[in-house]
Amino acid sequence: MSDQYSFDEMPLPRFKADAKGQPSYLKNHRQRLRDRFLKGGPDAVPDYELLELVLFRAIPRRDVKPLARQLIDSFGTFSATISAPIERLERETGIGPAVITELKIVEAAAHRLAQARILDKPAISGWKALVSYCRTTMAHSNIEQFRILFLDRKNVLIADEPQAKGTIDHVPVYPREVVKRALELDASALVLVHNHPSGDPTPSDADIAVTRQIEAAAQTFNIIIHDHLIIGATEEFSFRAAGHL
């Protein structure tokens, strides 16, 4: 792992530097990029430039465009970069603690914002936002996670809780524990969600079997399973839409 300070060198002699040692051409580039972002919004900048804006804070006196392009080449997209596991980011040349911290702050902010759009709101009428939240929090994880969205009698989301984490292709789920937690929260309905790190959201036989077991256990207490979503890299699979619920 390379230390971040390898990106904090003295400016090249042919460029005039400001009082902080920042080359004028670099300062102008950063300001132009900030202005373009503020005027045009996220759609005005490609992924690597959006990543540059994040890296400005972590690496204040160095051209971060090469690093931004390197990260996009390695991970594919802005979202995949900020969601990458820390240990994977550490293997990238030029990445130090300050860069990783900035990326993880942005990731946490994205999760909080997406959650705020669905918490305490009717889940069924805001289904698009709910699916978007699930994709934001789970699509780029490198291990399987199982989450439950708990709804009250009016289908308002009252809690979103991770129930289990597993390996790259398996996560343990216990129907009795799912129902027990629903009763503790006085939930009337559930949305089950898990991800497939492989990127393919097609359910396995085990996915279908455990969904039916949870549905059977929930029915005993008049708890409705609205859906089970499997989140893939670019799309999701709905058990309800596919006729499995």
Protein backbone atom coordinates (compact mmCIF):
# COMPACT_ATOMS: atom_id res chain seq x y z
CA MET A 1 0.00 0.00 0.00
CA SER A 2 1.40 3.38 -0.97
CA ASP A 3 1.16 6.24 1.48
CA GLN A 4 -1.06 9.13 0.46
CA TYR A 5 1.82 11.57 0.90
CA SER A 6 3.41 10.25 -2.27
CA PHE A 7 0.78 12.44 -3.96
CA ASP A 8 1.81 15.55 -2.03
CA GLU A 9 4.97 16.65 -3.83
CA MET A 10 6.40 20.08 -4.57
CA PRO A 11 4.95 21.78 -7.69
CA LEU A 12 6.85 21.63 -10.91
CA PRO A 13 9.28 24.62 -11.22
CA ARG A 14 7.73 26.04 -14.41
CA PHE A 15 4.38 26.69 -12.69
CA LYS A 16 3.80 29.51 -10.26
CA ALA A 17 2.61 28.27 -6.86
CA ASP A 18 0.36 29.99 -4.35
CA ALA A 19 1.15 30.48 -0.66
CA LYS A 20 0.18 26.87 0.08
CA GLY A 21 2.53 25.49 -2.56
CA GLN A 22 -0.29 24.65 -4.98
CA PRO A 23 0.45 25.17 -8.71
CA SER A 24 -1.80 27.81 -10.28
CA TYR A 25 -2.88 25.48 -13.10
CA LEU A 26 -4.06 22.95 -10.51
CA LYS A 27 -5.98 25.52 -8.51
CA ASN A 28 -7.69 26.76 -11.68
CA HIS A 29 -8.63 23.22 -12.73
CA ARG A 30 -10.15 22.47 -9.36
CA GLN A 31 -12.16 25.67 -9.35
CA ARG A 32 -13.42 25.10 -12.90
CA LEU A 33 -14.48 21.58 -11.99
CA ARG A 34 -16.25 22.77 -8.85
CA ASP A 35 -18.04 25.51 -10.81
CA ARG A 36 -19.15 23.08 -13.50
CA PHE A 37 -20.48 20.69 -10.88
CA LEU A 38 -22.37 23.42 -9.01
CA LYS A 39 -23.93 24.81 -12.19
CA GLY A 40 -24.75 21.55 -13.92
CA GLY A 41 -25.13 19.12 -11.04
CA PRO A 42 -23.93 15.48 -11.00
CA ASP A 43 -24.92 14.91 -14.64
CA ALA A 44 -22.44 17.59 -15.74
CA VAL A 45 -19.42 15.51 -14.70
CA PRO A 46 -18.43 11.93 -15.55
CA ASP A 47 -17.64 9.42 -12.80
CA TYR A 48 -13.91 10.11 -12.73
CA GLU A 49 -14.43 13.87 -12.29
CA LEU A 50 -16.98 13.30 -9.52
CA LEU A 51 -14.33 11.16 -7.87
CA GLU A 52 -11.80 13.97 -8.36
CA LEU A 53 -14.08 16.29 -6.37
CA VAL A 54 -14.03 13.81 -3.49
CA LEU A 55 -10.25 13.37 -3.69
CA PHE A 56 -9.57 17.12 -3.56
CA ARG A 57 -10.05 17.11 0.22
CA ALA A 58 -7.85 14.09 0.83
CA ILE A 59 -5.00 15.20 -1.48
CA PRO A 60 -4.98 19.01 -1.41
CA ARG A 61 -1.82 19.80 -3.41
CA ARG A 62 -1.60 17.25 -6.19
CA ASP A 63 -3.31 16.54 -9.49
CA VAL A 64 -5.73 13.76 -8.56
CA LYS A 65 -7.09 13.13 -12.06
CA PRO A 66 -4.71 10.19 -12.71
CA LEU A 67 -5.71 8.58 -9.42
CA ALA A 68 -9.41 9.12 -10.13
CA ARG A 69 -9.07 7.49 -13.54
CA GLN A 70 -7.06 4.65 -12.02
CA LEU A 71 -9.80 3.93 -9.48
CA ILE A 72 -12.54 4.02 -12.09
CA ASP A 73 -10.48 1.64 -14.26
CA SER A 74 -10.08 -0.69 -11.27
CA PHE A 75 -13.64 -0.66 -9.93
CA GLY A 76 -15.73 0.38 -12.93
CA THR A 77 -17.93 3.16 -11.54
CA PHE A 78 -18.03 5.90 -8.93
CA SER A 79 -20.51 3.90 -6.84
CA ALA A 80 -18.39 0.76 -6.96
CA THR A 81 -15.30 2.75 -5.95
CA ILE A 82 -16.76 4.33 -2.83
CA SER A 83 -18.39 1.00 -1.90
CA ALA A 84 -15.24 -1.08 -2.34
CA PRO A 85 -13.97 -2.91 0.76
CA ILE A 86 -11.22 -1.07 2.63
CA GLU A 87 -8.78 -3.94 2.19
CA ARG A 88 -9.33 -3.81 -1.57
CA LEU A 89 -8.80 -0.03 -1.69
CA GLU A 90 -5.58 -0.40 0.26
CA ARG A 91 -4.10 -2.43 -2.58
CA GLU A 92 -4.42 0.50 -4.98
CA THR A 93 -1.26 2.52 -5.66
CA GLY A 94 -1.52 6.04 -4.25
CA ILE A 95 -4.28 5.24 -1.76
CA GLY A 96 -3.67 6.14 1.88
CA PRO A 97 -5.82 6.52 5.01
CA ALA A 98 -7.01 10.02 4.11
CA VAL A 99 -8.36 8.91 0.71
CA ILE A 100 -10.05 5.83 2.15
CA THR A 101 -11.66 7.94 4.87
CA GLU A 102 -13.09 10.40 2.34
CA LEU A 103 -14.49 7.60 0.19
CA LYS A 104 -16.13 5.92 3.17
CA ILE A 105 -17.62 9.22 4.38
CA VAL A 106 -19.26 9.66 0.97
CA GLU A 107 -20.52 6.07 1.06
CA ALA A 108 -22.01 6.54 4.54
CA ALA A 109 -23.65 9.81 3.47
CA ALA A 110 -25.21 8.10 0.45
CA HIS A 111 -26.63 5.36 2.67
CA ARG A 112 -28.05 7.86 5.17
CA LEU A 113 -29.65 9.94 2.44
CA ALA A 114 -31.23 6.94 0.74
CA GLN A 115 -32.54 5.66 4.07
CA ALA A 116 -34.02 9.05 4.98
CA ARG A 117 -36.10 8.92 1.79
CA ILE A 118 -37.92 5.77 2.88
CA LEU A 119 -37.91 5.72 6.70
CA ASP A 120 -41.27 6.58 8.28
CA LYS A 121 -42.89 6.68 4.84
CA PRO A 122 -45.34 4.26 3.15
CA ALA A 123 -43.13 1.61 1.59
CA ILE A 124 -45.57 0.42 -1.03
CA SER A 125 -46.30 3.84 -2.55
CA GLY A 126 -42.60 4.69 -2.42
CA TRP A 127 -41.43 1.37 -3.84
CA LYS A 128 -38.99 2.93 -6.32
CA ALA A 129 -37.19 4.79 -3.51
CA LEU A 130 -37.14 1.63 -1.41
CA VAL A 131 -35.52 -0.40 -4.19
CA SER A 132 -33.06 2.43 -4.82
CA TYR A 133 -32.09 2.37 -1.14
CA CYS A 134 -31.52 -1.38 -1.23
CA ARG A 135 -29.33 -1.03 -4.30
CA THR A 136 -27.32 1.79 -2.71
CA THR A 137 -26.60 -0.19 0.43
CA MET A 138 -26.09 -3.67 -0.99
CA ALA A 139 -25.36 -3.82 -4.72
CA HIS A 140 -21.59 -3.50 -4.40
CA SER A 141 -20.99 -5.61 -1.29
CA ASN A 142 -18.52 -8.45 -1.75
CA ILE A 143 -20.30 -10.70 0.76
CA GLU A 144 -23.93 -11.80 1.00
CA GLN A 145 -26.07 -9.79 3.40
CA PHE A 146 -29.64 -10.38 4.50
CA ARG A 147 -31.75 -7.40 5.59
CA ILE A 148 -35.35 -7.01 6.67
CA LEU A 149 -37.52 -3.94 6.22
CA PHE A 150 -40.20 -3.92 8.94
CA LEU A 151 -43.53 -2.23 8.17
CA ASP A 152 -46.43 -1.25 10.41
CA ARG A 153 -50.17 -1.72 9.71
CA LYS A 154 -50.15 1.23 7.29
CA ASN A 155 -47.12 -0.18 5.46
CA VAL A 156 -44.93 2.59 6.85
CA LEU A 157 -41.32 1.56 7.25
CA ILE A 158 -40.50 1.44 10.97
CA ALA A 159 -37.12 -0.29 10.90
CA ASP A 160 -34.44 -1.51 8.54
CA GLU A 161 -32.11 -4.04 10.08
CA PRO A 162 -29.34 -6.29 8.79
CA GLN A 163 -30.02 -9.77 10.09
CA ALA A 164 -26.98 -11.68 8.93
CA LYS A 165 -23.78 -11.52 6.93
CA GLY A 166 -22.26 -14.52 5.24
CA THR A 167 -19.62 -15.41 2.70
CA ILE A 168 -19.30 -14.59 -0.96
CA ASP A 169 -22.13 -16.99 -1.85
CA HIS A 170 -24.01 -17.91 1.34
CA VAL A 171 -25.72 -16.20 4.25
CA PRO A 172 -27.45 -18.04 7.12
CA VAL A 173 -31.10 -17.11 7.68
CA TYR A 174 -33.32 -18.49 10.45
CA PRO A 175 -37.09 -18.03 9.92
CA ARG A 176 -37.85 -18.20 13.64
CA GLU A 177 -35.46 -15.32 14.34
CA VAL A 178 -37.02 -13.27 11.55
CA VAL A 179 -40.51 -13.68 12.98
CA LYS A 180 -39.29 -13.13 16.54
CA ARG A 181 -37.81 -9.76 15.61
CA ALA A 182 -40.97 -8.77 13.73
CA LEU A 183 -43.05 -9.45 16.83
CA GLU A 184 -40.64 -7.43 18.98
CA LEU A 185 -41.13 -4.45 16.68
CA ASP A 186 -44.88 -5.02 16.36
CA ALA A 187 -44.42 -5.20 12.58
CA SER A 188 -47.36 -6.25 10.42
CA ALA A 189 -45.45 -6.80 7.18
CA LEU A 190 -41.91 -7.42 5.97
CA VAL A 191 -39.79 -6.92 2.90
CA LEU A 192 -36.89 -9.35 2.75
CA VAL A 193 -33.73 -8.25 0.94
CA HIS A 194 -30.42 -9.89 0.21
CA ASN A 195 -27.67 -9.44 -2.35
CA HIS A 196 -25.75 -11.68 -4.70
CA PRO A 197 -22.09 -10.58 -4.86
CA SER A 198 -21.76 -12.48 -8.15
CA GLY A 199 -23.95 -9.77 -9.68
CA ASP A 200 -26.61 -12.22 -10.93
CA PRO A 201 -29.85 -11.75 -8.95
CA THR A 202 -31.38 -15.06 -10.08
CA PRO A 203 -32.59 -16.91 -6.95
CA SER A 204 -31.09 -20.25 -5.99
CA ASP A 205 -33.16 -23.21 -4.83
CA ALA A 206 -32.05 -22.37 -1.28
CA ASP A 207 -33.26 -18.76 -1.71
CA ILE A 208 -36.70 -19.99 -2.77
CA ALA A 209 -36.89 -22.57 0.01
CA VAL A 210 -35.96 -20.18 2.84
CA THR A 211 -38.40 -17.58 1.52
CA ARG A 212 -41.23 -20.09 1.70
CA GLN A 213 -40.16 -21.09 5.21
CA ILE A 214 -40.20 -17.46 6.37
CA GLU A 215 -43.56 -16.88 4.71
CA ALA A 216 -45.05 -19.94 6.44
CA ALA A 217 -43.69 -18.89 9.84
CA ALA A 218 -44.91 -15.31 9.37
CA GLN A 219 -48.41 -16.39 8.36
CA THR A 220 -48.83 -18.04 11.77
CA PHE A 221 -48.77 -14.54 13.29
CA ASN A 222 -50.63 -12.79 10.46
CA ILE A 223 -47.45 -11.10 9.26
CA ILE A 224 -47.38 -10.40 5.51
CA ILE A 225 -44.29 -10.86 3.35
CA HIS A 226 -44.67 -8.17 0.70
CA ASP A 227 -41.64 -9.23 -1.28
CA HIS A 228 -38.18 -10.73 -1.24
CA LEU A 229 -35.72 -8.73 -3.32
CA ILE A 230 -32.39 -10.08 -4.51
CA ILE A 231 -30.03 -7.24 -5.37
CA GLY A 232 -27.58 -7.82 -8.20
CA ALA A 233 -24.93 -5.61 -9.74
CA THR A 234 -27.24 -3.87 -12.22
CA GLU A 235 -30.73 -5.21 -11.53
CA GLU A 236 -32.85 -6.84 -8.87
CA PHE A 237 -35.11 -9.90 -8.73
CA SER A 238 -38.57 -9.65 -7.14
CA PHE A 239 -40.08 -12.84 -5.71
CA ARG A 240 -43.51 -11.20 -5.85
CA ALA A 241 -43.22 -10.25 -9.51
CA ALA A 242 -41.91 -13.72 -10.38
CA GLY A 243 -44.84 -15.42 -8.66
CA HIS A 244 -42.87 -16.97 -5.80
CA LEU A 245 -44.94 -15.09 -3.20
